[in-house]
């Protein structure tokens, strides 16, 4: 979405493979909260609309944030040092949604062993 020279082609390839396969993509409402900060600061509302359109056009499932997700996030934070609350909620949401892989740029999240953590750098 940001056309980052380092990651754009890798993510574009991943999304293309997704469309060509029968894989489901899942995200949580927290992704919106995290992504939209900079566009709101810059009053770049078009970026937010484009992001929303991508999520909905790609038929990406948006998981629910539930008490079970919050409990799992607390367990993750208790087990692994230095994991931030938002990251733990994202991970917990993916785990409870039954995801096989969690895609991120945060190397620290690799310590979590309840789900395979894949870095965009690894694509």
PDB file of N, CA and C in Angstrom:
ATOM      1  N   UNK A   1       0.818  -1.192   0.000  1.00  0.00           N
ATOM      2  CA  UNK A   1       0.000   0.000   0.000  1.00  0.00           C
ATOM      3  C   UNK A   1       0.864   1.259   0.000  1.00  0.00           C
ATOM      4  N   UNK A   2       1.993   1.194   0.644  1.00  0.00           N
ATOM      5  CA  UNK A   2       2.864   2.359   0.754  1.00  0.00           C
ATOM      6  C   UNK A   2       3.897   2.411  -0.366  1.00  0.00           C
ATOM      7  N   UNK A   3       3.930   1.377  -1.197  1.00  0.00           N
ATOM      8  CA  UNK A   3       4.880   1.275  -2.300  1.00  0.00           C
ATOM      9  C   UNK A   3       6.328   1.418  -1.808  1.00  0.00           C
ATOM     10  N   UNK A   4       6.616   0.746  -0.695  1.00  0.00           N
ATOM     11  CA  UNK A   4       7.948   0.722  -0.125  1.00  0.00           C
ATOM     12  C   UNK A   4       8.855  -0.070  -1.066  1.00  0.00           C
ATOM     13  N   UNK A   5       9.921   0.566  -1.536  1.00  0.00           N
ATOM     14  CA  UNK A   5      10.801  -0.063  -2.531  1.00  0.00           C
ATOM     15  C   UNK A   5      11.383  -1.383  -2.036  1.00  0.00           C
ATOM     16  N   UNK A   6      11.635  -1.492  -0.748  1.00  0.00           N
ATOM     17  CA  UNK A   6      12.238  -2.703  -0.191  1.00  0.00           C
ATOM     18  C   UNK A   6      11.251  -3.874  -0.159  1.00  0.00           C
ATOM     19  N   UNK A   7       9.960  -3.585   0.027  1.00  0.00           N
ATOM     20  CA  UNK A   7       8.990  -4.653   0.266  1.00  0.00           C
ATOM     21  C   UNK A   7       7.886  -4.782  -0.782  1.00  0.00           C
ATOM     22  N   UNK A   8       7.658  -3.788  -1.591  1.00  0.00           N
ATOM     23  CA  UNK A   8       6.506  -3.785  -2.501  1.00  0.00           C
ATOM     24  C   UNK A   8       6.435  -5.010  -3.392  1.00  0.00           C
ATOM     25  N   UNK A   9       7.522  -5.324  -4.065  1.00  0.00           N
ATOM     26  CA  UNK A   9       7.474  -6.440  -5.005  1.00  0.00           C
ATOM     27  C   UNK A   9       7.262  -7.763  -4.276  1.00  0.00           C
ATOM     28  N   UNK A  10       7.858  -7.916  -3.102  1.00  0.00           N
ATOM     29  CA  UNK A  10       7.691  -9.151  -2.338  1.00  0.00           C
ATOM     30  C   UNK A  10       6.233  -9.342  -1.905  1.00  0.00           C
ATOM     31  N   UNK A  11       5.654  -8.273  -1.391  1.00  0.00           N
ATOM     32  CA  UNK A  11       4.271  -8.363  -0.933  1.00  0.00           C
ATOM     33  C   UNK A  11       3.332  -8.522  -2.123  1.00  0.00           C
ATOM     34  N   UNK A  12       3.619  -7.827  -3.202  1.00  0.00           N
ATOM     35  CA  UNK A  12       2.803  -7.960  -4.416  1.00  0.00           C
ATOM     36  C   UNK A  12       2.824  -9.404  -4.920  1.00  0.00           C
ATOM     37  N   UNK A  13       4.008 -10.030  -4.904  1.00  0.00           N
ATOM     38  CA  UNK A  13       4.120 -11.437  -5.313  1.00  0.00           C
ATOM     39  C   UNK A  13       3.322 -12.346  -4.383  1.00  0.00           C
ATOM     40  N   UNK A  14       3.401 -12.084  -3.087  1.00  0.00           N
ATOM     41  CA  UNK A  14       2.646 -12.881  -2.118  1.00  0.00           C
ATOM     42  C   UNK A  14       1.150 -12.767  -2.369  1.00  0.00           C
ATOM     43  N   UNK A  15       0.675 -11.554  -2.588  1.00  0.00           N
ATOM     44  CA  UNK A  15      -0.754 -11.345  -2.845  1.00  0.00           C
ATOM     45  C   UNK A  15      -1.152 -12.022  -4.155  1.00  0.00           C
ATOM     46  N   UNK A  16      -0.312 -11.950  -5.155  1.00  0.00           N
ATOM     47  CA  UNK A  16      -0.606 -12.626  -6.431  1.00  0.00           C
ATOM     48  C   UNK A  16      -0.711 -14.134  -6.244  1.00  0.00           C
ATOM     49  N   UNK A  17       0.210 -14.705  -5.447  1.00  0.00           N
ATOM     50  CA  UNK A  17       0.142 -16.142  -5.159  1.00  0.00           C
ATOM     51  C   UNK A  17      -1.135 -16.475  -4.395  1.00  0.00           C
ATOM     52  N   UNK A  18      -1.541 -15.591  -3.499  1.00  0.00           N
ATOM     53  CA  UNK A  18      -2.786 -15.787  -2.750  1.00  0.00           C
ATOM     54  C   UNK A  18      -3.960 -15.881  -3.712  1.00  0.00           C
ATOM     55  N   UNK A  19      -4.042 -14.936  -4.639  1.00  0.00           N
ATOM     56  CA  UNK A  19      -5.157 -14.947  -5.581  1.00  0.00           C
ATOM     57  C   UNK A  19      -5.149 -16.188  -6.473  1.00  0.00           C
ATOM     58  N   UNK A  20      -3.960 -16.714  -6.753  1.00  0.00           N
ATOM     59  CA  UNK A  20      -3.843 -17.886  -7.618  1.00  0.00           C
ATOM     60  C   UNK A  20      -4.066 -19.198  -6.874  1.00  0.00           C
ATOM     61  N   UNK A  21      -4.130 -19.135  -5.553  1.00  0.00           N
ATOM     62  CA  UNK A  21      -4.298 -20.352  -4.759  1.00  0.00           C
ATOM     63  C   UNK A  21      -5.625 -20.322  -4.016  1.00  0.00           C
ATOM     64  N   UNK A  22      -5.780 -21.281  -3.161  1.00  0.00           N
ATOM     65  CA  UNK A  22      -7.004 -21.370  -2.373  1.00  0.00           C
ATOM     66  C   UNK A  22      -6.730 -21.003  -0.913  1.00  0.00           C
ATOM     67  N   UNK A  23      -5.772 -20.121  -0.692  1.00  0.00           N
ATOM     68  CA  UNK A  23      -5.357 -19.715   0.639  1.00  0.00           C
ATOM     69  C   UNK A  23      -6.259 -18.583   1.133  1.00  0.00           C
ATOM     70  N   UNK A  24      -6.569 -18.614   2.413  1.00  0.00           N
ATOM     71  CA  UNK A  24      -7.352 -17.533   3.012  1.00  0.00           C
ATOM     72  C   UNK A  24      -6.415 -16.604   3.769  1.00  0.00           C
ATOM     73  N   UNK A  25      -6.647 -15.319   3.632  1.00  0.00           N
ATOM     74  CA  UNK A  25      -5.894 -14.327   4.391  1.00  0.00           C
ATOM     75  C   UNK A  25      -6.792 -13.781   5.489  1.00  0.00           C
ATOM     76  N   UNK A  26      -6.198 -13.554   6.645  1.00  0.00           N
ATOM     77  CA  UNK A  26      -6.935 -13.070   7.810  1.00  0.00           C
ATOM     78  C   UNK A  26      -6.176 -11.901   8.408  1.00  0.00           C
ATOM     79  N   UNK A  27      -6.906 -10.919   8.868  1.00  0.00           N
ATOM     80  CA  UNK A  27      -6.319  -9.812   9.617  1.00  0.00           C
ATOM     81  C   UNK A  27      -7.264  -9.474  10.748  1.00  0.00           C
ATOM     82  N   UNK A  28      -6.878  -8.545  11.578  1.00  0.00           N
ATOM     83  CA  UNK A  28      -7.756  -8.125  12.665  1.00  0.00           C
ATOM     84  C   UNK A  28      -8.032  -6.635  12.528  1.00  0.00           C
ATOM     85  N   UNK A  29      -8.997  -6.132  13.264  1.00  0.00           N
ATOM     86  CA  UNK A  29      -9.262  -4.690  13.232  1.00  0.00           C
ATOM     87  C   UNK A  29      -8.053  -3.859  13.677  1.00  0.00           C
ATOM     88  N   UNK A  30      -7.143  -4.482  14.413  1.00  0.00           N
ATOM     89  CA  UNK A  30      -5.947  -3.763  14.852  1.00  0.00           C
ATOM     90  C   UNK A  30      -5.076  -3.339  13.674  1.00  0.00           C
ATOM     91  N   UNK A  31      -5.133  -4.096  12.593  1.00  0.00           N
ATOM     92  CA  UNK A  31      -4.370  -3.729  11.403  1.00  0.00           C
ATOM     93  C   UNK A  31      -4.808  -2.363  10.899  1.00  0.00           C
ATOM     94  N   UNK A  32      -6.116  -2.124  10.929  1.00  0.00           N
ATOM     95  CA  UNK A  32      -6.627  -0.809  10.532  1.00  0.00           C
ATOM     96  C   UNK A  32      -6.109   0.267  11.486  1.00  0.00           C
ATOM     97  N   UNK A  33      -6.154  -0.021  12.786  1.00  0.00           N
ATOM     98  CA  UNK A  33      -5.700   0.956  13.777  1.00  0.00           C
ATOM     99  C   UNK A  33      -4.223   1.292  13.583  1.00  0.00           C
ATOM    100  N   UNK A  34      -3.429   0.299  13.250  1.00  0.00           N
ATOM    101  CA  UNK A  34      -1.998   0.533  13.067  1.00  0.00           C
ATOM    102  C   UNK A  34      -1.708   1.226  11.738  1.00  0.00           C
ATOM    103  N   UNK A  35      -2.331   0.768  10.665  1.00  0.00           N
ATOM    104  CA  UNK A  35      -2.042   1.320   9.339  1.00  0.00           C
ATOM    105  C   UNK A  35      -2.481   2.771   9.210  1.00  0.00           C
ATOM    106  N   UNK A  36      -3.626   3.097   9.770  1.00  0.00           N
ATOM    107  CA  UNK A  36      -4.256   4.394   9.511  1.00  0.00           C
ATOM    108  C   UNK A  36      -3.637   5.567  10.259  1.00  0.00           C
ATOM    109  N   UNK A  37      -2.756   5.335  11.189  1.00  0.00           N
ATOM    110  CA  UNK A  37      -2.174   6.430  11.980  1.00  0.00           C
ATOM    111  C   UNK A  37      -1.505   7.470  11.081  1.00  0.00           C
ATOM    112  N   UNK A  38      -0.561   7.040  10.263  1.00  0.00           N
ATOM    113  CA  UNK A  38       0.184   7.991   9.424  1.00  0.00           C
ATOM    114  C   UNK A  38      -0.729   8.677   8.412  1.00  0.00           C
ATOM    115  N   UNK A  39      -1.585   7.950   7.690  1.00  0.00           N
ATOM    116  CA  UNK A  39      -2.481   8.660   6.777  1.00  0.00           C
ATOM    117  C   UNK A  39      -3.373   9.696   7.475  1.00  0.00           C
ATOM    118  N   UNK A  40      -3.840   9.392   8.691  1.00  0.00           N
ATOM    119  CA  UNK A  40      -4.623  10.388   9.422  1.00  0.00           C
ATOM    120  C   UNK A  40      -3.776  11.601   9.783  1.00  0.00           C
ATOM    121  N   UNK A  41      -2.540  11.376  10.212  1.00  0.00           N
ATOM    122  CA  UNK A  41      -1.650  12.498  10.535  1.00  0.00           C
ATOM    123  C   UNK A  41      -1.408  13.376   9.321  1.00  0.00           C
ATOM    124  N   UNK A  42      -1.302  12.731   8.162  1.00  0.00           N
ATOM    125  CA  UNK A  42      -1.016  13.457   6.922  1.00  0.00           C
ATOM    126  C   UNK A  42      -2.283  13.909   6.203  1.00  0.00           C
ATOM    127  N   UNK A  43      -3.423  13.637   6.804  1.00  0.00           N
ATOM    128  CA  UNK A  43      -4.718  13.915   6.186  1.00  0.00           C
ATOM    129  C   UNK A  43      -4.796  13.284   4.783  1.00  0.00           C
ATOM    130  N   UNK A  44      -4.235  12.080   4.676  1.00  0.00           N
ATOM    131  CA  UNK A  44      -4.217  11.337   3.410  1.00  0.00           C
ATOM    132  C   UNK A  44      -5.354  10.322   3.425  1.00  0.00           C
ATOM    133  N   UNK A  45      -6.564  10.817   3.419  1.00  0.00           N
ATOM    134  CA  UNK A  45      -7.734   9.951   3.536  1.00  0.00           C
ATOM    135  C   UNK A  45      -7.863   8.991   2.357  1.00  0.00           C
ATOM    136  N   UNK A  46      -7.317   9.356   1.207  1.00  0.00           N
ATOM    137  CA  UNK A  46      -7.349   8.475   0.042  1.00  0.00           C
ATOM    138  C   UNK A  46      -6.602   7.173   0.333  1.00  0.00           C
ATOM    139  N   UNK A  47      -5.489   7.260   1.059  1.00  0.00           N
ATOM    140  CA  UNK A  47      -4.726   6.054   1.413  1.00  0.00           C
ATOM    141  C   UNK A  47      -5.566   5.115   2.270  1.00  0.00           C
ATOM    142  N   UNK A  48      -6.348   5.685   3.168  1.00  0.00           N
ATOM    143  CA  UNK A  48      -7.206   4.872   4.027  1.00  0.00           C
ATOM    144  C   UNK A  48      -8.289   4.200   3.199  1.00  0.00           C
ATOM    145  N   UNK A  49      -8.881   4.957   2.279  1.00  0.00           N
ATOM    146  CA  UNK A  49      -9.909   4.363   1.400  1.00  0.00           C
ATOM    147  C   UNK A  49      -9.317   3.266   0.531  1.00  0.00           C
ATOM    148  N   UNK A  50      -8.119   3.488   0.016  1.00  0.00           N
ATOM    149  CA  UNK A  50      -7.452   2.471  -0.804  1.00  0.00           C
ATOM    150  C   UNK A  50      -7.147   1.218   0.017  1.00  0.00           C
ATOM    151  N   UNK A  51      -6.715   1.414   1.256  1.00  0.00           N
ATOM    152  CA  UNK A  51      -6.420   0.289   2.139  1.00  0.00           C
ATOM    153  C   UNK A  51      -7.691  -0.512   2.411  1.00  0.00           C
ATOM    154  N   UNK A  52      -8.750   0.177   2.749  1.00  0.00           N
ATOM    155  CA  UNK A  52     -10.031  -0.501   2.992  1.00  0.00           C
ATOM    156  C   UNK A  52     -10.492  -1.244   1.746  1.00  0.00           C
ATOM    157  N   UNK A  53     -10.368  -0.616   0.596  1.00  0.00           N
ATOM    158  CA  UNK A  53     -10.784  -1.254  -0.659  1.00  0.00           C
ATOM    159  C   UNK A  53      -9.958  -2.516  -0.903  1.00  0.00           C
ATOM    160  N   UNK A  54      -8.659  -2.448  -0.647  1.00  0.00           N
ATOM    161  CA  UNK A  54      -7.819  -3.628  -0.828  1.00  0.00           C
ATOM    162  C   UNK A  54      -8.281  -4.759   0.075  1.00  0.00           C
ATOM    163  N   UNK A  55      -8.484  -4.473   1.348  1.00  0.00           N
ATOM    164  CA  UNK A  55      -8.906  -5.499   2.307  1.00  0.00           C
ATOM    165  C   UNK A  55     -10.219  -6.140   1.859  1.00  0.00           C
ATOM    166  N   UNK A  56     -11.177  -5.323   1.491  1.00  0.00           N
ATOM    167  CA  UNK A  56     -12.488  -5.855   1.136  1.00  0.00           C
ATOM    168  C   UNK A  56     -12.500  -6.491  -0.256  1.00  0.00           C
ATOM    169  N   UNK A  57     -11.800  -5.896  -1.221  1.00  0.00           N
ATOM    170  CA  UNK A  57     -11.747  -6.467  -2.572  1.00  0.00           C
ATOM    171  C   UNK A  57     -11.006  -7.804  -2.581  1.00  0.00           C
ATOM    172  N   UNK A  58      -9.986  -7.934  -1.749  1.00  0.00           N
ATOM    173  CA  UNK A  58      -9.216  -9.173  -1.666  1.00  0.00           C
ATOM    174  C   UNK A  58      -9.929 -10.220  -0.816  1.00  0.00           C
ATOM    175  N   UNK A  59     -11.069  -9.844  -0.273  1.00  0.00           N
ATOM    176  CA  UNK A  59     -11.868 -10.753   0.562  1.00  0.00           C
ATOM    177  C   UNK A  59     -11.043 -11.306   1.736  1.00  0.00           C
ATOM    178  N   UNK A  60     -10.265 -10.426   2.339  1.00  0.00           N
ATOM    179  CA  UNK A  60      -9.482 -10.796   3.507  1.00  0.00           C
ATOM    180  C   UNK A  60     -10.433 -10.849   4.698  1.00  0.00           C
ATOM    181  N   UNK A  61     -10.408 -11.940   5.430  1.00  0.00           N
ATOM    182  CA  UNK A  61     -11.267 -12.104   6.599  1.00  0.00           C
ATOM    183  C   UNK A  61     -10.767 -11.201   7.723  1.00  0.00           C
ATOM    184  N   UNK A  62     -11.693 -10.531   8.363  1.00  0.00           N
ATOM    185  CA  UNK A  62     -11.352  -9.702   9.510  1.00  0.00           C
ATOM    186  C   UNK A  62     -11.839 -10.433  10.756  1.00  0.00           C
ATOM    187  N   UNK A  63     -10.887 -10.862  11.565  1.00  0.00           N
ATOM    188  CA  UNK A  63     -11.218 -11.629  12.764  1.00  0.00           C
ATOM    189  C   UNK A  63     -11.815 -10.710  13.828  1.00  0.00           C
ATOM    190  N   UNK A  64     -12.452 -11.321  14.799  1.00  0.00           N
ATOM    191  CA  UNK A  64     -13.031 -10.564  15.909  1.00  0.00           C
ATOM    192  C   UNK A  64     -12.053 -10.499  17.066  1.00  0.00           C
ATOM    193  N   UNK A  65     -12.095  -9.398  17.773  1.00  0.00           N
ATOM    194  CA  UNK A  65     -11.327  -9.288  19.006  1.00  0.00           C
ATOM    195  C   UNK A  65     -12.263  -9.654  20.146  1.00  0.00           C
ATOM    196  N   UNK A  66     -11.996 -10.783  20.752  1.00  0.00           N
ATOM    197  CA  UNK A  66     -12.875 -11.331  21.782  1.00  0.00           C
ATOM    198  C   UNK A  66     -12.123 -11.459  23.100  1.00  0.00           C
ATOM    199  N   UNK A  67     -12.843 -11.851  24.136  1.00  0.00           N
ATOM    200  CA  UNK A  67     -12.208 -12.123  25.427  1.00  0.00           C
ATOM    201  C   UNK A  67     -11.179 -13.241  25.276  1.00  0.00           C
ATOM    202  N   UNK A  68     -11.488 -14.265  24.480  1.00  0.00           N
ATOM    203  CA  UNK A  68     -10.531 -15.355  24.265  1.00  0.00           C
ATOM    204  C   UNK A  68      -9.246 -14.848  23.610  1.00  0.00           C
ATOM    205  N   UNK A  69      -9.392 -13.928  22.665  1.00  0.00           N
ATOM    206  CA  UNK A  69      -8.207 -13.336  22.029  1.00  0.00           C
ATOM    207  C   UNK A  69      -7.407 -12.549  23.073  1.00  0.00           C
ATOM    208  N   UNK A  70      -8.100 -11.782  23.908  1.00  0.00           N
ATOM    209  CA  UNK A  70      -7.415 -11.001  24.941  1.00  0.00           C
ATOM    210  C   UNK A  70      -6.682 -11.907  25.929  1.00  0.00           C
ATOM    211  N   UNK A  71      -7.315 -13.017  26.319  1.00  0.00           N
ATOM    212  CA  UNK A  71      -6.662 -13.959  27.239  1.00  0.00           C
ATOM    213  C   UNK A  71      -5.425 -14.579  26.595  1.00  0.00           C
ATOM    214  N   UNK A  72      -5.550 -14.970  25.335  1.00  0.00           N
ATOM    215  CA  UNK A  72      -4.395 -15.564  24.641  1.00  0.00           C
ATOM    216  C   UNK A  72      -3.278 -14.531  24.498  1.00  0.00           C
ATOM    217  N   UNK A  73      -3.641 -13.288  24.245  1.00  0.00           N
ATOM    218  CA  UNK A  73      -2.635 -12.225  24.147  1.00  0.00           C
ATOM    219  C   UNK A  73      -1.909 -12.063  25.475  1.00  0.00           C
ATOM    220  N   UNK A  74      -2.638 -12.128  26.573  1.00  0.00           N
ATOM    221  CA  UNK A  74      -2.016 -12.032  27.899  1.00  0.00           C
ATOM    222  C   UNK A  74      -1.066 -13.207  28.125  1.00  0.00           C
ATOM    223  N   UNK A  75      -1.463 -14.402  27.693  1.00  0.00           N
ATOM    224  CA  UNK A  75      -0.590 -15.571  27.826  1.00  0.00           C
ATOM    225  C   UNK A  75       0.687 -15.396  27.012  1.00  0.00           C
ATOM    226  N   UNK A  76       0.548 -14.850  25.823  1.00  0.00           N
ATOM    227  CA  UNK A  76       1.718 -14.601  24.966  1.00  0.00           C
ATOM    228  C   UNK A  76       2.657 -13.611  25.640  1.00  0.00           C
ATOM    229  N   UNK A  77       2.109 -12.529  26.175  1.00  0.00           N
ATOM    230  CA  UNK A  77       2.945 -11.525  26.843  1.00  0.00           C
ATOM    231  C   UNK A  77       3.596 -12.079  28.098  1.00  0.00           C
ATOM    232  N   UNK A  78       2.899 -12.998  28.776  1.00  0.00           N
ATOM    233  CA  UNK A  78       3.474 -13.608  29.975  1.00  0.00           C
ATOM    234  C   UNK A  78       4.617 -14.556  29.621  1.00  0.00           C
ATOM    235  N   UNK A  79       4.487 -15.246  28.507  1.00  0.00           N
ATOM    236  CA  UNK A  79       5.470 -16.258  28.110  1.00  0.00           C
ATOM    237  C   UNK A  79       6.707 -15.662  27.425  1.00  0.00           C
ATOM    238  N   UNK A  80       6.504 -14.620  26.622  1.00  0.00           N
ATOM    239  CA  UNK A  80       7.594 -14.065  25.814  1.00  0.00           C
ATOM    240  C   UNK A  80       7.904 -12.639  26.258  1.00  0.00           C
ATOM    241  N   UNK A  81       9.158 -12.368  26.519  1.00  0.00           N
ATOM    242  CA  UNK A  81       9.517 -11.039  26.996  1.00  0.00           C
ATOM    243  C   UNK A  81       9.526 -10.021  25.860  1.00  0.00           C
ATOM    244  N   UNK A  82       9.077  -8.837  26.205  1.00  0.00           N
ATOM    245  CA  UNK A  82       9.161  -7.718  25.272  1.00  0.00           C
ATOM    246  C   UNK A  82       8.092  -7.641  24.199  1.00  0.00           C
ATOM    247  N   UNK A  83       7.124  -8.533  24.209  1.00  0.00           N
ATOM    248  CA  UNK A  83       6.058  -8.476  23.193  1.00  0.00           C
ATOM    249  C   UNK A  83       5.065  -7.389  23.617  1.00  0.00           C
ATOM    250  N   UNK A  84       4.815  -6.453  22.726  1.00  0.00           N
ATOM    251  CA  UNK A  84       3.881  -5.360  23.010  1.00  0.00           C
ATOM    252  C   UNK A  84       2.438  -5.863  22.933  1.00  0.00           C
ATOM    253  N   UNK A  85       1.562  -5.145  23.612  1.00  0.00           N
ATOM    254  CA  UNK A  85       0.152  -5.552  23.691  1.00  0.00           C
ATOM    255  C   UNK A  85      -0.490  -5.668  22.303  1.00  0.00           C
ATOM    256  N   UNK A  86      -0.271  -4.685  21.436  1.00  0.00           N
ATOM    257  CA  UNK A  86      -0.878  -4.744  20.099  1.00  0.00           C
ATOM    258  C   UNK A  86      -0.373  -5.952  19.321  1.00  0.00           C
ATOM    259  N   UNK A  87       0.916  -6.224  19.414  1.00  0.00           N
ATOM    260  CA  UNK A  87       1.478  -7.383  18.724  1.00  0.00           C
ATOM    261  C   UNK A  87       0.912  -8.682  19.286  1.00  0.00           C
ATOM    262  N   UNK A  88       0.801  -8.755  20.605  1.00  0.00           N
ATOM    263  CA  UNK A  88       0.245  -9.954  21.236  1.00  0.00           C
ATOM    264  C   UNK A  88      -1.209 -10.159  20.815  1.00  0.00           C
ATOM    265  N   UNK A  89      -1.963  -9.091  20.723  1.00  0.00           N
ATOM    266  CA  UNK A  89      -3.353  -9.203  20.263  1.00  0.00           C
ATOM    267  C   UNK A  89      -3.417  -9.672  18.811  1.00  0.00           C
ATOM    268  N   UNK A  90      -2.539  -9.155  17.975  1.00  0.00           N
ATOM    269  CA  UNK A  90      -2.501  -9.590  16.576  1.00  0.00           C
ATOM    270  C   UNK A  90      -2.157 -11.078  16.491  1.00  0.00           C
ATOM    271  N   UNK A  91      -1.142 -11.487  17.218  1.00  0.00           N
ATOM    272  CA  UNK A  91      -0.733 -12.896  17.221  1.00  0.00           C
ATOM    273  C   UNK A  91      -1.860 -13.784  17.749  1.00  0.00           C
ATOM    274  N   UNK A  92      -2.440 -13.389  18.864  1.00  0.00           N
ATOM    275  CA  UNK A  92      -3.522 -14.178  19.460  1.00  0.00           C
ATOM    276  C   UNK A  92      -4.701 -14.295  18.508  1.00  0.00           C
ATOM    277  N   UNK A  93      -5.022 -13.226  17.837  1.00  0.00           N
ATOM    278  CA  UNK A  93      -6.114 -13.243  16.867  1.00  0.00           C
ATOM    279  C   UNK A  93      -5.828 -14.240  15.749  1.00  0.00           C
ATOM    280  N   UNK A  94      -4.596 -14.243  15.270  1.00  0.00           N
ATOM    281  CA  UNK A  94      -4.213 -15.179  14.210  1.00  0.00           C
ATOM    282  C   UNK A  94      -4.264 -16.618  14.703  1.00  0.00           C
ATOM    283  N   UNK A  95      -3.762 -16.859  15.892  1.00  0.00           N
ATOM    284  CA  UNK A  95      -3.745 -18.221  16.450  1.00  0.00           C
ATOM    285  C   UNK A  95      -5.167 -18.731  16.638  1.00  0.00           C
ATOM    286  N   UNK A  96      -6.009 -17.927  17.245  1.00  0.00           N
ATOM    287  CA  UNK A  96      -7.392 -18.351  17.500  1.00  0.00           C
ATOM    288  C   UNK A  96      -8.185 -18.495  16.206  1.00  0.00           C
ATOM    289  N   UNK A  97      -7.821 -17.714  15.191  1.00  0.00           N
ATOM    290  CA  UNK A  97      -8.494 -17.837  13.892  1.00  0.00           C
ATOM    291  C   UNK A  97      -8.033 -19.064  13.111  1.00  0.00           C
ATOM    292  N   UNK A  98      -7.018 -19.754  13.619  1.00  0.00           N
ATOM    293  CA  UNK A  98      -6.534 -20.962  12.962  1.00  0.00           C
ATOM    294  C   UNK A  98      -5.534 -20.720  11.854  1.00  0.00           C
ATOM    295  N   UNK A  99      -4.893 -19.560  11.868  1.00  0.00           N
ATOM    296  CA  UNK A  99      -3.905 -19.252  10.833  1.00  0.00           C
ATOM    297  C   UNK A  99      -2.670 -20.140  10.991  1.00  0.00           C
ATOM    298  N   UNK A 100      -2.069 -20.476   9.871  1.00  0.00           N
ATOM    299  CA  UNK A 100      -0.841 -21.271   9.862  1.00  0.00           C
ATOM    300  C   UNK A 100       0.410 -20.397   9.943  1.00  0.00           C
ATOM    301  N   UNK A 101       0.320 -19.184   9.372  1.00  0.00           N
ATOM    302  CA  UNK A 101       1.475 -18.308   9.254  1.00  0.00           C
ATOM    303  C   UNK A 101       1.070 -16.892   9.653  1.00  0.00           C
ATOM    304  N   UNK A 102       1.985 -16.205  10.321  1.00  0.00           N
ATOM    305  CA  UNK A 102       1.800 -14.809  10.702  1.00  0.00           C
ATOM    306  C   UNK A 102       2.864 -14.000   9.989  1.00  0.00           C
ATOM    307  N   UNK A 103       2.463 -13.099   9.105  1.00  0.00           N
ATOM    308  CA  UNK A 103       3.398 -12.296   8.313  1.00  0.00           C
ATOM    309  C   UNK A 103       3.617 -10.950   8.996  1.00  0.00           C
ATOM    310  N   UNK A 104       4.882 -10.577   9.156  1.00  0.00           N
ATOM    311  CA  UNK A 104       5.228  -9.353   9.871  1.00  0.00           C
ATOM    312  C   UNK A 104       6.587  -8.839   9.402  1.00  0.00           C
ATOM    313  N   UNK A 105       6.949  -7.664   9.867  1.00  0.00           N
ATOM    314  CA  UNK A 105       8.310  -7.145   9.705  1.00  0.00           C
ATOM    315  C   UNK A 105       9.038  -7.111  11.032  1.00  0.00           C
ATOM    316  N   UNK A 106       8.404  -7.561  12.091  1.00  0.00           N
ATOM    317  CA  UNK A 106       8.951  -7.477  13.446  1.00  0.00           C
ATOM    318  C   UNK A 106       9.707  -8.752  13.807  1.00  0.00           C
ATOM    319  N   UNK A 107      11.034  -8.686  13.770  1.00  0.00           N
ATOM    320  CA  UNK A 107      11.882  -9.856  14.039  1.00  0.00           C
ATOM    321  C   UNK A 107      11.679 -10.406  15.449  1.00  0.00           C
ATOM    322  N   UNK A 108      11.321  -9.551  16.377  1.00  0.00           N
ATOM    323  CA  UNK A 108      11.137  -9.990  17.762  1.00  0.00           C
ATOM    324  C   UNK A 108      10.013 -11.022  17.880  1.00  0.00           C
ATOM    325  N   UNK A 109       9.054 -10.983  16.991  1.00  0.00           N
ATOM    326  CA  UNK A 109       7.912 -11.892  17.077  1.00  0.00           C
ATOM    327  C   UNK A 109       8.275 -13.320  16.691  1.00  0.00           C
ATOM    328  N   UNK A 110       9.462 -13.516  16.133  1.00  0.00           N
ATOM    329  CA  UNK A 110       9.906 -14.869  15.779  1.00  0.00           C
ATOM    330  C   UNK A 110      10.048 -15.779  16.994  1.00  0.00           C
ATOM    331  N   UNK A 111      10.151 -15.197  18.179  1.00  0.00           N
ATOM    332  CA  UNK A 111      10.295 -16.021  19.382  1.00  0.00           C
ATOM    333  C   UNK A 111       9.020 -16.781  19.712  1.00  0.00           C
ATOM    334  N   UNK A 112       7.894 -16.363  19.163  1.00  0.00           N
ATOM    335  CA  UNK A 112       6.609 -17.009  19.437  1.00  0.00           C
ATOM    336  C   UNK A 112       6.559 -18.320  18.671  1.00  0.00           C
ATOM    337  N   UNK A 113       6.296 -19.427  19.384  1.00  0.00           N
ATOM    338  CA  UNK A 113       6.305 -20.721  18.714  1.00  0.00           C
ATOM    339  C   UNK A 113       4.913 -21.338  18.534  1.00  0.00           C
ATOM    340  N   UNK A 114       3.873 -20.621  18.910  1.00  0.00           N
ATOM    341  CA  UNK A 114       2.511 -21.143  18.716  1.00  0.00           C
ATOM    342  C   UNK A 114       2.015 -20.987  17.281  1.00  0.00           C
ATOM    343  N   UNK A 115       2.731 -20.213  16.482  1.00  0.00           N
ATOM    344  CA  UNK A 115       2.369 -20.000  15.083  1.00  0.00           C
ATOM    345  C   UNK A 115       3.678 -19.719  14.325  1.00  0.00           C
ATOM    346  N   UNK A 116       3.723 -20.118  13.065  1.00  0.00           N
ATOM    347  CA  UNK A 116       4.904 -19.823  12.267  1.00  0.00           C
ATOM    348  C   UNK A 116       4.915 -18.327  11.954  1.00  0.00           C
ATOM    349  N   UNK A 117       5.985 -17.649  12.355  1.00  0.00           N
ATOM    350  CA  UNK A 117       6.141 -16.222  12.096  1.00  0.00           C
ATOM    351  C   UNK A 117       7.075 -16.073  10.904  1.00  0.00           C
ATOM    352  N   UNK A 118       6.576 -15.436   9.873  1.00  0.00           N
ATOM    353  CA  UNK A 118       7.327 -15.238   8.638  1.00  0.00           C
ATOM    354  C   UNK A 118       7.571 -13.748   8.444  1.00  0.00           C
ATOM    355  N   UNK A 119       8.830 -13.387   8.215  1.00  0.00           N
ATOM    356  CA  UNK A 119       9.162 -12.000   7.965  1.00  0.00           C
ATOM    357  C   UNK A 119       9.045 -11.702   6.478  1.00  0.00           C
ATOM    358  N   UNK A 120       8.620 -10.485   6.160  1.00  0.00           N
ATOM    359  CA  UNK A 120       8.562 -10.077   4.758  1.00  0.00           C
ATOM    360  C   UNK A 120       9.944 -10.209   4.136  1.00  0.00           C
ATOM    361  N   UNK A 121      10.980  -9.973   4.927  1.00  0.00           N
ATOM    362  CA  UNK A 121      12.363 -10.135   4.439  1.00  0.00           C
ATOM    363  C   UNK A 121      12.643 -11.564   3.984  1.00  0.00           C
ATOM    364  N   UNK A 122      11.883 -12.527   4.514  1.00  0.00           N
ATOM    365  CA  UNK A 122      12.090 -13.937   4.157  1.00  0.00           C
ATOM    366  C   UNK A 122      11.375 -14.348   2.867  1.00  0.00           C
ATOM    367  N   UNK A 123      10.551 -13.475   2.347  1.00  0.00           N
ATOM    368  CA  UNK A 123       9.794 -13.834   1.133  1.00  0.00           C
ATOM    369  C   UNK A 123      10.710 -13.900  -0.080  1.00  0.00           C
TER     370      UNK A 123
END
